N, C-alpha and C. Protein backbone atom coordinates (compact mmCIF):
# COMPACT_ATOMS: atom_id res chain seq x y z
N MET A 1 -16.57 35.43 233.22
CA MET A 1 -16.20 36.32 233.77
C MET A 1 -17.65 37.44 233.71
N ASP A 2 -17.36 38.25 232.79
CA ASP A 2 -18.40 38.80 232.31
C ASP A 2 -19.07 38.36 231.36
N GLN A 3 -20.49 38.74 231.62
CA GLN A 3 -21.56 37.63 230.79
C GLN A 3 -21.28 38.31 229.17
N ARG A 4 -20.54 39.52 229.39
CA ARG A 4 -20.97 40.39 227.76
C ARG A 4 -19.55 40.01 227.05
N MET A 5 -19.04 38.91 227.59
CA MET A 5 -17.81 38.77 227.21
C MET A 5 -17.71 37.12 226.00
N SER A 6 -18.79 36.93 226.05
CA SER A 6 -19.36 35.62 225.34
C SER A 6 -18.62 36.02 223.76
N SER A 7 -18.28 34.95 223.30
CA SER A 7 -17.61 34.92 221.83
C SER A 7 -18.74 34.54 220.94
N GLY A 8 -19.83 34.26 221.07
CA GLY A 8 -20.76 33.87 220.20
C GLY A 8 -21.43 35.06 219.02
N PRO A 9 -22.13 35.00 218.17
CA PRO A 9 -22.28 35.76 217.32
C PRO A 9 -23.80 36.44 217.87
N LEU A 10 -23.90 37.55 217.42
CA LEU A 10 -25.36 37.90 217.77
C LEU A 10 -26.31 37.32 217.06
N PRO A 11 -27.69 36.96 217.28
CA PRO A 11 -28.70 36.40 216.49
C PRO A 11 -29.04 36.89 215.38
N ARG A 12 -29.22 36.17 214.46
CA ARG A 12 -29.32 37.21 213.03
C ARG A 12 -30.95 37.40 212.98
N GLY A 13 -31.58 38.32 211.69
CA GLY A 13 -32.52 38.28 211.36
C GLY A 13 -33.40 39.73 212.76
N VAL A 14 -34.52 39.60 212.74
CA VAL A 14 -35.09 40.53 213.73
C VAL A 14 -34.94 39.95 215.16
N HIS A 15 -34.39 40.72 216.33
CA HIS A 15 -34.09 40.42 217.64
C HIS A 15 -34.70 41.51 218.82
N ARG A 16 -34.61 41.27 219.77
CA ARG A 16 -35.46 41.95 220.76
C ARG A 16 -33.81 42.93 221.64
N LEU A 17 -33.04 42.72 221.38
CA LEU A 17 -31.63 43.34 221.77
C LEU A 17 -31.89 44.56 221.57
N SER A 18 -31.55 45.79 222.61
CA SER A 18 -31.73 46.96 222.66
C SER A 18 -30.52 47.48 221.58
N ARG A 19 -30.26 48.75 221.28
CA ARG A 19 -28.92 48.91 220.38
C ARG A 19 -27.42 49.16 221.75
N GLU A 20 -27.82 49.58 222.91
CA GLU A 20 -27.22 49.33 223.73
C GLU A 20 -26.69 47.94 224.09
N GLU A 21 -27.34 47.03 224.01
CA GLU A 21 -27.05 45.55 224.26
C GLU A 21 -26.39 44.75 223.26
N VAL A 22 -26.47 45.33 222.03
CA VAL A 22 -25.78 44.74 220.85
C VAL A 22 -24.14 45.61 220.72
N ALA A 23 -24.14 46.70 221.32
CA ALA A 23 -23.11 47.43 221.67
C ALA A 23 -21.94 46.98 222.30
N ALA A 24 -22.58 46.16 223.91
CA ALA A 24 -22.05 45.84 224.49
C ALA A 24 -21.60 44.71 224.20
N SER A 25 -22.23 43.59 223.53
CA SER A 25 -22.20 42.58 223.25
C SER A 25 -21.05 42.16 222.02
N GLN A 26 -20.69 43.52 221.35
CA GLN A 26 -19.85 43.87 219.83
C GLN A 26 -18.22 44.16 221.13
N ARG A 27 -18.72 44.66 221.35
CA ARG A 27 -17.37 45.11 222.51
C ARG A 27 -16.74 44.02 223.18
N GLY A 28 -17.50 43.24 224.21
CA GLY A 28 -17.11 42.45 224.86
C GLY A 28 -16.58 40.91 223.69
N ARG A 29 -16.89 40.66 222.81
CA ARG A 29 -16.68 39.50 222.06
C ARG A 29 -15.32 40.44 221.24
N LEU A 30 -15.06 41.49 220.74
CA LEU A 30 -13.90 41.86 220.36
C LEU A 30 -12.88 41.84 221.71
N MET A 31 -13.06 42.39 222.73
CA MET A 31 -12.05 42.09 223.61
C MET A 31 -11.50 40.62 224.31
N LEU A 32 -12.51 39.75 223.91
CA LEU A 32 -12.27 38.50 223.97
C LEU A 32 -11.71 38.23 222.75
N ALA A 33 -12.07 38.35 221.97
CA ALA A 33 -11.25 37.65 220.37
C ALA A 33 -9.63 38.36 220.42
N MET A 34 -9.66 39.58 220.92
CA MET A 34 -8.13 39.90 220.90
C MET A 34 -7.37 39.39 222.02
N ALA A 35 -7.85 39.22 222.73
CA ALA A 35 -7.51 38.20 223.83
C ALA A 35 -6.71 37.04 223.62
N GLU A 36 -7.80 36.50 222.99
CA GLU A 36 -7.59 34.99 222.19
C GLU A 36 -6.29 34.46 221.57
N VAL A 37 -6.26 35.53 220.23
CA VAL A 37 -5.41 35.98 219.53
C VAL A 37 -4.03 36.22 219.92
N VAL A 38 -3.81 37.57 220.81
CA VAL A 38 -2.69 37.10 221.03
C VAL A 38 -2.06 36.29 221.92
N VAL A 39 -2.92 35.88 222.85
CA VAL A 39 -2.49 34.16 223.13
C VAL A 39 -1.44 33.60 221.75
N GLU A 40 -2.55 33.19 220.83
CA GLU A 40 -1.97 32.66 219.88
C GLU A 40 -0.62 32.78 219.41
N LYS A 41 -1.02 33.75 218.70
CA LYS A 41 0.28 34.63 218.04
C LYS A 41 1.10 35.65 218.80
N GLY A 42 1.00 36.15 219.40
CA GLY A 42 2.00 36.87 220.36
C GLY A 42 0.96 38.71 220.32
N TYR A 43 1.37 39.50 220.94
CA TYR A 43 0.76 40.53 220.88
C TYR A 43 0.99 41.18 219.50
N ALA A 44 2.45 41.58 219.07
CA ALA A 44 3.41 41.86 217.91
C ALA A 44 2.89 41.60 216.54
N ALA A 45 2.42 39.99 216.63
CA ALA A 45 1.95 39.60 215.59
C ALA A 45 0.58 39.69 215.33
N THR A 46 -0.21 40.33 216.39
CA THR A 46 -1.62 39.70 216.10
C THR A 46 -2.41 41.48 215.68
N THR A 47 -3.10 40.86 214.94
CA THR A 47 -3.72 42.54 213.81
C THR A 47 -5.58 42.97 214.37
N VAL A 48 -5.79 43.60 213.80
CA VAL A 48 -7.17 44.04 214.08
C VAL A 48 -7.99 43.04 213.23
N ALA A 49 -7.44 42.70 212.39
CA ALA A 49 -8.36 41.77 211.29
C ALA A 49 -8.58 40.17 211.79
N ASP A 50 -7.11 40.26 212.82
CA ASP A 50 -7.18 38.92 213.22
C ASP A 50 -8.72 38.90 214.44
N ALA A 51 -9.03 39.91 214.98
CA ALA A 51 -9.60 40.34 216.17
C ALA A 51 -11.26 40.18 215.67
N LEU A 52 -10.98 40.46 214.49
CA LEU A 52 -12.62 41.12 213.91
C LEU A 52 -13.09 39.38 213.07
N LYS A 53 -12.41 38.61 212.54
CA LYS A 53 -12.38 37.45 212.16
C LYS A 53 -13.07 36.62 213.20
N ARG A 54 -12.35 36.51 214.57
CA ARG A 54 -12.45 35.49 215.90
C ARG A 54 -13.86 36.23 215.98
N ALA A 55 -14.13 37.57 216.65
CA ALA A 55 -15.33 38.16 216.86
C ALA A 55 -16.49 38.05 215.88
N ARG A 56 -16.44 37.98 214.60
CA ARG A 56 -17.37 38.31 213.46
C ARG A 56 -18.09 39.37 213.77
N VAL A 57 -16.97 40.53 214.00
CA VAL A 57 -17.70 41.94 213.59
C VAL A 57 -16.86 42.79 213.02
N SER A 58 -17.46 44.01 212.34
CA SER A 58 -17.10 44.58 211.38
C SER A 58 -15.81 45.37 211.73
N ARG A 59 -15.12 45.80 210.59
CA ARG A 59 -14.32 46.60 210.89
C ARG A 59 -14.51 48.14 211.25
N LEU A 60 -15.81 48.65 211.00
CA LEU A 60 -16.67 49.63 211.57
C LEU A 60 -16.96 49.84 212.74
N SER A 61 -17.39 48.73 213.03
CA SER A 61 -18.12 48.24 214.23
C SER A 61 -16.52 48.53 215.51
N PHE A 62 -15.68 48.02 215.48
CA PHE A 62 -14.25 48.25 215.88
C PHE A 62 -13.79 49.26 216.34
N TYR A 63 -13.94 49.93 215.02
CA TYR A 63 -13.50 51.38 215.48
C TYR A 63 -14.48 52.95 216.40
N GLU A 64 -15.56 51.94 216.40
CA GLU A 64 -16.69 52.78 217.09
C GLU A 64 -16.48 52.36 218.58
N HIS A 65 -15.74 51.32 218.75
CA HIS A 65 -15.40 50.93 220.29
C HIS A 65 -14.18 50.89 220.81
N PHE A 66 -13.44 51.31 219.86
CA PHE A 66 -11.85 51.37 220.16
C PHE A 66 -10.51 52.05 218.94
N ALA A 67 -9.78 52.99 219.40
CA ALA A 67 -9.02 53.41 218.55
C ALA A 67 -8.20 52.55 217.57
N ASN A 68 -7.31 51.79 218.71
CA ASN A 68 -6.74 50.85 217.88
C ASN A 68 -6.65 49.53 218.70
N LYS A 69 -5.37 48.63 218.08
CA LYS A 69 -5.32 47.69 218.72
C LYS A 69 -5.28 47.43 220.10
N GLU A 70 -4.15 48.75 220.67
CA GLU A 70 -3.66 48.69 221.89
C GLU A 70 -4.84 48.91 222.61
N ALA A 71 -5.74 50.08 222.61
CA ALA A 71 -7.06 50.63 223.13
C ALA A 71 -8.03 49.39 223.61
N CYS A 72 -8.12 48.09 222.71
CA CYS A 72 -8.73 46.81 222.68
C CYS A 72 -7.96 46.22 224.08
N VAL A 73 -6.94 46.17 223.80
CA VAL A 73 -6.09 45.04 224.74
C VAL A 73 -6.28 45.65 226.18
N VAL A 74 -6.19 46.94 226.26
CA VAL A 74 -5.97 47.76 227.77
C VAL A 74 -7.59 47.41 228.15
N ALA A 75 -8.82 48.00 227.17
CA ALA A 75 -10.01 47.43 227.53
C ALA A 75 -10.04 46.03 228.39
N ALA A 76 -9.69 45.53 227.38
CA ALA A 76 -9.46 43.72 228.05
C ALA A 76 -9.00 43.64 229.40
N TYR A 77 -8.02 44.49 229.29
CA TYR A 77 -6.80 43.91 230.52
C TYR A 77 -7.66 44.75 231.78
N ASP A 78 -8.45 46.03 231.64
CA ASP A 78 -9.16 46.78 232.76
C ASP A 78 -10.14 45.90 232.96
N LEU A 79 -10.55 44.93 231.93
CA LEU A 79 -12.18 44.50 232.48
C LEU A 79 -11.88 43.33 233.36
N VAL A 80 -10.49 42.63 233.16
CA VAL A 80 -10.09 41.34 234.11
C VAL A 80 -9.59 42.17 235.21
N ALA A 81 -9.11 43.35 235.26
CA ALA A 81 -8.48 44.04 236.68
C ALA A 81 -9.72 44.38 237.38
N GLY A 82 -10.76 45.02 236.78
CA GLY A 82 -11.90 44.93 237.45
C GLY A 82 -13.04 43.66 238.47
N GLU A 83 -13.19 42.87 237.34
CA GLU A 83 -13.61 41.56 237.74
C GLU A 83 -12.76 41.31 239.30
N VAL A 84 -11.52 41.09 239.05
CA VAL A 84 -10.63 40.57 239.98
C VAL A 84 -10.88 41.37 241.21
N ALA A 85 -10.77 42.49 241.61
CA ALA A 85 -10.64 43.71 242.32
C ALA A 85 -11.80 43.33 242.90
N VAL A 86 -13.18 43.08 241.99
CA VAL A 86 -14.79 42.99 242.88
C VAL A 86 -14.33 41.50 243.62
N ARG A 87 -14.03 40.80 243.19
CA ARG A 87 -14.11 39.56 243.79
C ARG A 87 -13.23 39.36 244.83
N ILE A 88 -11.74 40.10 244.93
CA ILE A 88 -11.31 39.78 245.95
C ILE A 88 -11.83 41.18 247.15
N GLY A 89 -12.03 41.99 246.69
CA GLY A 89 -12.90 42.71 247.88
C GLY A 89 -13.58 42.29 248.53
N ALA A 90 -14.56 41.64 248.02
CA ALA A 90 -15.95 41.02 248.37
C ALA A 90 -15.39 39.85 249.51
N ALA A 91 -14.83 39.06 249.21
CA ALA A 91 -14.23 37.77 249.87
C ALA A 91 -13.03 38.49 251.30
N LEU A 92 -12.51 39.92 250.95
CA LEU A 92 -12.12 40.00 252.00
C LEU A 92 -12.86 40.92 253.20
N SER A 93 -13.95 40.84 252.74
CA SER A 93 -14.77 42.31 253.62
C SER A 93 -15.53 41.07 254.33
N ALA A 94 -16.13 39.95 254.19
CA ALA A 94 -16.72 39.20 254.51
C ALA A 94 -16.01 38.56 256.17
N GLY A 95 -16.82 38.21 256.69
CA GLY A 95 -16.68 37.75 258.35
C GLY A 95 -15.22 36.63 258.40
N GLY A 96 -15.13 36.16 259.63
CA GLY A 96 -13.94 35.71 259.83
C GLY A 96 -12.80 36.13 260.35
N ASP A 97 -11.27 35.27 260.61
CA ASP A 97 -10.20 35.90 261.19
C ASP A 97 -9.41 36.11 259.95
N PRO A 98 -8.31 36.89 259.94
CA PRO A 98 -7.55 37.35 258.77
C PRO A 98 -7.25 36.19 257.73
N MET A 99 -7.13 34.95 258.22
CA MET A 99 -6.40 34.21 257.45
C MET A 99 -7.61 33.28 256.65
N GLU A 100 -8.42 33.54 257.14
CA GLU A 100 -9.95 32.93 256.54
C GLU A 100 -10.24 33.89 255.40
N ARG A 101 -9.89 35.11 255.59
CA ARG A 101 -10.54 36.38 254.42
C ARG A 101 -9.53 36.26 253.63
N VAL A 102 -7.89 35.79 253.92
CA VAL A 102 -7.09 36.29 252.80
C VAL A 102 -7.09 34.87 252.12
N GLU A 103 -7.83 33.53 252.33
CA GLU A 103 -7.47 32.45 251.77
C GLU A 103 -8.93 32.35 250.75
N ARG A 104 -10.07 32.86 251.44
CA ARG A 104 -11.06 33.51 250.32
C ARG A 104 -10.73 34.21 249.47
N ALA A 105 -10.02 35.45 249.64
CA ALA A 105 -9.71 36.27 248.72
C ALA A 105 -8.92 35.34 247.53
N LEU A 106 -7.85 34.78 248.04
CA LEU A 106 -6.76 33.71 247.03
C LEU A 106 -7.37 32.85 245.77
N ASP A 107 -8.60 32.10 246.64
CA ASP A 107 -9.39 31.53 245.81
C ASP A 107 -10.45 32.32 244.98
N ALA A 108 -10.76 33.13 245.36
CA ALA A 108 -11.48 34.27 244.31
C ALA A 108 -10.66 34.91 243.12
N TYR A 109 -9.24 34.99 243.42
CA TYR A 109 -8.81 35.33 242.58
C TYR A 109 -8.21 34.42 241.90
N LEU A 110 -7.85 32.86 241.95
CA LEU A 110 -7.41 31.62 241.13
C LEU A 110 -8.59 31.51 240.46
N GLU A 111 -9.70 31.50 241.04
CA GLU A 111 -11.00 31.21 240.31
C GLU A 111 -11.31 31.79 239.26
N ALA A 112 -11.06 33.55 239.22
CA ALA A 112 -11.11 34.14 238.45
C ALA A 112 -10.19 34.16 236.98
N LEU A 113 -9.00 33.72 237.04
CA LEU A 113 -8.16 33.43 236.07
C LEU A 113 -8.19 32.29 235.41
N ALA A 114 -8.84 31.39 236.31
CA ALA A 114 -8.83 29.68 236.15
C ALA A 114 -9.91 29.79 234.94
N ASP A 115 -10.90 30.77 235.60
CA ASP A 115 -12.57 30.44 234.59
C ASP A 115 -12.04 31.00 232.84
N GLU A 116 -11.31 31.95 232.84
CA GLU A 116 -10.77 32.70 231.27
C GLU A 116 -9.52 32.27 231.45
N PRO A 117 -8.90 31.42 230.46
CA PRO A 117 -7.63 31.13 230.25
C PRO A 117 -6.96 32.23 229.38
N ALA A 118 -7.78 32.61 228.52
CA ALA A 118 -6.94 33.52 227.31
C ALA A 118 -7.11 35.15 228.00
N LEU A 119 -8.18 35.15 229.12
CA LEU A 119 -7.89 36.75 229.62
C LEU A 119 -6.33 36.72 230.68
N ALA A 120 -6.52 35.52 231.51
CA ALA A 120 -5.76 35.58 232.25
C ALA A 120 -4.35 35.49 231.78
N ARG A 121 -4.17 34.94 230.66
CA ARG A 121 -2.94 34.99 230.13
C ARG A 121 -2.64 36.57 229.29
N LEU A 122 -3.17 36.89 229.12
CA LEU A 122 -3.11 38.73 229.01
C LEU A 122 -2.88 39.58 229.78
N PHE A 123 -3.66 39.26 230.85
CA PHE A 123 -3.92 39.58 232.44
C PHE A 123 -2.48 39.74 233.20
N LEU A 124 -1.32 38.47 232.68
CA LEU A 124 -0.63 38.34 233.87
C LEU A 124 0.56 38.06 232.40
N VAL A 125 0.43 37.77 231.15
CA VAL A 125 1.54 37.54 230.52
C VAL A 125 1.90 38.14 229.47
N ASP A 126 1.12 38.24 228.46
CA ASP A 126 1.16 39.09 227.24
C ASP A 126 0.89 40.69 227.55
N SER A 127 0.24 41.18 228.80
CA SER A 127 0.15 42.66 228.83
C SER A 127 1.91 42.79 228.91
N TYR A 128 2.92 42.38 229.15
CA TYR A 128 4.30 42.84 229.18
C TYR A 128 4.76 43.24 227.64
N ALA A 129 4.15 42.79 226.72
CA ALA A 129 4.35 42.96 225.30
C ALA A 129 4.06 44.31 224.95
N ALA A 130 2.53 44.40 225.55
CA ALA A 130 1.64 45.48 225.01
C ALA A 130 1.81 46.85 225.12
N GLY A 131 3.08 47.47 225.69
CA GLY A 131 3.27 48.67 225.57
C GLY A 131 3.57 49.35 226.50
N PRO A 132 3.49 50.37 227.34
CA PRO A 132 4.19 51.38 228.49
C PRO A 132 2.95 51.59 229.33
N GLU A 133 1.66 51.84 228.64
CA GLU A 133 0.41 52.21 229.61
C GLU A 133 -0.17 50.76 230.14
N LEU A 134 0.42 49.52 229.25
CA LEU A 134 -0.47 48.19 230.38
C LEU A 134 0.45 48.29 231.18
N SER A 135 1.91 48.53 231.03
CA SER A 135 3.11 48.45 232.19
C SER A 135 2.34 49.27 233.46
N ARG A 136 2.20 50.59 233.05
CA ARG A 136 1.95 51.49 234.13
C ARG A 136 0.21 50.84 234.77
N ARG A 137 -0.36 50.64 234.28
CA ARG A 137 -1.62 49.98 234.55
C ARG A 137 -1.42 49.04 235.30
N ARG A 138 -0.51 47.41 235.11
CA ARG A 138 -0.08 46.67 235.63
C ARG A 138 0.50 47.15 237.08
N ALA A 139 1.34 47.69 237.01
CA ALA A 139 2.06 48.04 238.42
C ALA A 139 1.15 48.91 239.13
N ALA A 140 0.02 49.40 238.52
CA ALA A 140 -0.86 50.27 239.76
C ALA A 140 -2.02 48.79 240.02
N VAL A 141 -2.12 47.97 239.15
CA VAL A 141 -3.18 46.94 239.94
C VAL A 141 -2.63 46.20 241.02
N HIS A 142 -1.70 46.01 240.71
CA HIS A 142 -0.83 45.37 241.86
C HIS A 142 -0.54 46.11 243.24
N ARG A 143 -0.45 47.29 243.16
CA ARG A 143 0.08 48.19 244.22
C ARG A 143 -1.12 48.39 244.71
N ALA A 144 -2.49 48.47 243.89
CA ALA A 144 -3.98 48.58 244.82
C ALA A 144 -4.46 47.27 245.58
N SER A 145 -3.95 46.25 244.90
CA SER A 145 -4.49 44.53 245.01
C SER A 145 -3.66 44.43 246.83
N ALA A 146 -2.36 45.41 246.98
CA ALA A 146 -1.90 45.10 248.22
C ALA A 146 -2.49 46.04 248.88
N GLU A 147 -2.63 47.09 248.54
CA GLU A 147 -3.15 47.94 249.47
C GLU A 147 -4.51 47.75 250.00
N LEU A 148 -5.65 46.91 249.20
CA LEU A 148 -6.83 46.59 249.75
C LEU A 148 -6.76 45.68 250.29
N MET A 149 -6.01 44.83 250.24
CA MET A 149 -5.81 43.18 251.59
C MET A 149 -5.44 43.99 252.74
N ALA A 150 -4.53 44.95 252.68
CA ALA A 150 -3.90 45.60 254.07
C ALA A 150 -5.30 46.47 254.31
N ASP A 151 -6.08 47.16 253.72
CA ASP A 151 -6.78 47.54 254.56
C ASP A 151 -7.99 47.25 254.89
N ARG A 152 -8.14 46.02 254.23
CA ARG A 152 -9.20 44.95 254.86
C ARG A 152 -9.11 44.30 255.92
N LEU A 153 -7.43 44.04 256.18
CA LEU A 153 -6.88 43.11 257.11
C LEU A 153 -6.79 44.56 258.50
N GLY A 154 -6.53 45.53 257.97
CA GLY A 154 -6.87 46.34 259.11
C GLY A 154 -5.08 46.48 259.33
N ALA A 155 -4.38 46.33 257.96
CA ALA A 155 -2.76 46.42 258.58
C ALA A 155 -2.59 48.17 258.69
N SER A 156 -1.79 48.31 260.08
CA SER A 156 -1.27 49.39 260.03
C SER A 156 0.19 50.28 260.09
N THR A 157 0.95 49.24 260.29
CA THR A 157 2.24 49.48 260.45
C THR A 157 2.75 49.10 259.14
N ALA A 158 3.99 49.73 258.74
CA ALA A 158 4.68 49.59 257.80
C ALA A 158 5.29 48.00 257.79
N GLY A 159 5.70 47.47 258.38
CA GLY A 159 5.75 45.73 258.64
C GLY A 159 4.44 45.20 257.82
N GLN A 160 3.26 45.64 258.24
CA GLN A 160 1.90 44.75 258.17
C GLN A 160 1.72 44.99 256.54
N ARG A 161 1.89 46.26 256.18
CA ARG A 161 1.53 46.68 254.47
C ARG A 161 2.67 46.03 253.85
N LEU A 162 3.89 45.55 254.07
CA LEU A 162 4.83 45.16 253.62
C LEU A 162 4.51 43.65 253.20
N ALA A 163 4.07 43.10 254.24
CA ALA A 163 3.67 41.69 254.60
C ALA A 163 2.85 41.35 253.48
N CYS A 164 1.49 42.03 253.20
CA CYS A 164 0.37 42.31 252.11
C CYS A 164 1.16 42.63 250.93
N GLU A 165 2.37 43.40 251.13
CA GLU A 165 3.09 43.85 249.43
C GLU A 165 3.10 42.47 249.29
N ALA A 166 4.03 41.61 249.59
CA ALA A 166 4.84 40.49 249.40
C ALA A 166 4.16 39.53 249.46
N PHE A 167 2.98 39.24 249.77
CA PHE A 167 1.93 38.05 249.53
C PHE A 167 1.26 38.41 248.55
N VAL A 168 1.25 39.45 247.74
CA VAL A 168 0.51 39.85 246.33
C VAL A 168 1.40 39.35 245.16
N GLY A 169 2.79 39.86 245.63
CA GLY A 169 3.90 39.76 244.77
C GLY A 169 4.37 38.57 244.35
N ALA A 170 4.01 37.28 245.72
CA ALA A 170 4.25 36.26 245.98
C ALA A 170 3.44 35.30 244.96
N VAL A 171 2.11 35.62 244.95
CA VAL A 171 1.20 35.10 244.37
C VAL A 171 1.19 35.24 243.08
N VAL A 172 1.33 36.60 242.66
CA VAL A 172 1.45 37.02 241.15
C VAL A 172 2.27 36.09 240.38
N SER A 173 3.73 36.27 241.19
CA SER A 173 4.33 35.11 240.28
C SER A 173 4.51 33.62 240.44
N LEU A 174 3.52 32.99 241.25
CA LEU A 174 3.37 31.86 241.35
C LEU A 174 2.67 31.14 240.08
N VAL A 175 1.09 32.24 240.24
CA VAL A 175 0.27 32.19 239.22
C VAL A 175 0.81 32.55 237.65
N THR A 176 1.39 33.15 237.58
CA THR A 176 1.91 33.41 236.32
C THR A 176 2.91 32.37 235.44
N THR A 177 3.56 31.63 236.52
CA THR A 177 4.30 30.28 235.86
C THR A 177 3.60 29.35 235.57
N ARG A 178 2.49 29.23 236.16
CA ARG A 178 1.65 28.30 235.65
C ARG A 178 0.33 28.72 234.27
N ILE A 179 0.06 30.02 234.66
CA ILE A 179 -0.32 30.12 233.32
C ILE A 179 0.39 30.32 232.08
N VAL A 180 1.73 30.44 232.17
CA VAL A 180 2.54 30.37 230.82
C VAL A 180 2.39 28.74 230.53
N ALA A 181 2.46 27.57 231.61
CA ALA A 181 2.77 26.36 231.28
C ALA A 181 1.34 25.82 230.79
N GLY A 182 0.17 26.80 230.81
CA GLY A 182 -1.24 26.42 230.21
C GLY A 182 -1.62 25.45 231.35
N ASP A 183 -1.14 25.31 232.35
CA ASP A 183 -1.52 24.60 233.27
C ASP A 183 -2.94 24.76 234.43
N LEU A 184 -3.79 25.25 234.13
CA LEU A 184 -4.86 25.29 234.55
C LEU A 184 -5.34 25.04 236.11
N GLY A 185 -5.25 23.54 236.08
CA GLY A 185 -5.47 23.00 237.30
C GLY A 185 -4.33 23.00 238.55
N ALA A 186 -3.26 22.99 238.20
CA ALA A 186 -2.01 24.38 239.00
C ALA A 186 -2.52 25.30 239.16
N VAL A 187 -3.10 26.06 238.59
CA VAL A 187 -3.64 27.36 239.07
C VAL A 187 -4.23 27.15 239.93
N ARG A 188 -5.32 26.31 240.05
CA ARG A 188 -6.66 26.28 241.49
C ARG A 188 -5.65 25.29 242.96
N GLU A 189 -4.66 24.71 242.25
CA GLU A 189 -3.88 23.75 243.28
C GLU A 189 -3.14 24.77 244.20
N LEU A 190 -2.92 26.10 243.51
CA LEU A 190 -2.21 26.76 244.27
C LEU A 190 -2.96 27.46 245.44
N ARG A 191 -4.16 27.45 245.85
CA ARG A 191 -4.57 27.66 247.11
C ARG A 191 -4.32 27.05 248.63
N GLY A 192 -4.34 25.58 248.64
CA GLY A 192 -3.76 25.14 249.34
C GLY A 192 -2.35 25.06 249.62
N GLN A 193 -1.64 24.98 248.36
CA GLN A 193 -0.35 25.21 248.94
C GLN A 193 0.15 26.28 249.55
N VAL A 194 -0.12 27.73 249.19
CA VAL A 194 -0.10 28.57 249.18
C VAL A 194 -0.57 29.03 251.03
N MET A 195 -1.56 28.63 250.82
CA MET A 195 -2.10 28.84 252.51
C MET A 195 -1.04 27.78 253.50
N GLN A 196 -0.86 27.16 252.93
CA GLN A 196 0.11 26.09 254.34
C GLN A 196 1.64 26.70 254.50
N LEU A 197 1.53 27.48 253.52
CA LEU A 197 2.94 28.33 253.85
C LEU A 197 2.49 29.67 254.67
N VAL A 198 1.71 30.17 254.35
CA VAL A 198 1.21 31.83 254.74
C VAL A 198 0.82 31.41 256.34
N ARG A 199 -0.06 30.34 256.03
CA ARG A 199 -0.27 30.18 257.70
C ARG A 199 0.63 30.26 258.80
N PRO A 200 1.63 29.33 258.95
CA PRO A 200 2.57 29.48 260.06
C PRO A 200 3.93 30.49 260.01
N VAL A 201 3.45 31.23 258.71
CA VAL A 201 4.51 32.34 258.79
C VAL A 201 3.60 33.65 259.55
N TRP A 202 2.60 33.55 258.96
CA TRP A 202 1.46 34.64 259.95
C TRP A 202 1.69 34.51 261.40
N GLU A 203 1.12 33.56 261.94
CA GLU A 203 1.54 32.65 263.30
C GLU A 203 2.57 32.99 264.04
N SER A 204 3.71 32.76 263.11
CA SER A 204 5.27 32.96 263.84
C SER A 204 5.26 34.66 264.08
N PHE A 205 4.93 35.34 263.10
CA PHE A 205 5.21 36.61 263.70
C PHE A 205 3.78 37.64 263.92
N PRO A 206 3.52 37.43 264.98
CA PRO A 206 1.87 38.18 265.80
C PRO A 206 2.06 39.81 265.46
N GLU A 207 3.03 40.31 265.27
CA GLU A 207 2.91 41.66 265.21
C GLU A 207 2.63 42.29 263.28
N LEU A 208 2.16 41.16 262.63
CA LEU A 208 1.95 41.00 261.46
C LEU A 208 0.69 41.46 261.03
């Protein structure tokens, strides 16, 4: 996803990285480390110390970036949500008929999640245990995804927009079950399976 999410340590000794680059690297490594530990231990059992050990970042540096564990998890969630939104938006904005654009957007969504298993699980599964703030953000992300799809496809009626919302909800549910099972291959395979179902439905209801 984001290059700053690398979990590798910064170079020892003299290096050419600016202060801003060092801070961005630390922040990214902390978010990725937190996501990985949450996947392994669960949100409740994960501590800031776990993330520090995994990211090889000092406690002082952690609190320069985040107020607490929840803030780090929320930041990681927002990073994934932003990246996914950018990829979906670009796919929907490209040329082609509605189904071609939907297929590209679906592919972009699935690939973004399959590329980063720990972040994908945080995004779709473990965020449920991370408190009310993430619950609100998750609902907002799903709503925004449906609205983005509706806007890019020119959906104007209530039925058209509801169809977009139903599509997003169904895909999220299908992907979540496969992420829980740890089957990233099945996540990627959903593209063809979902489109086989969506195309005849779309063609049967031209008013959508």
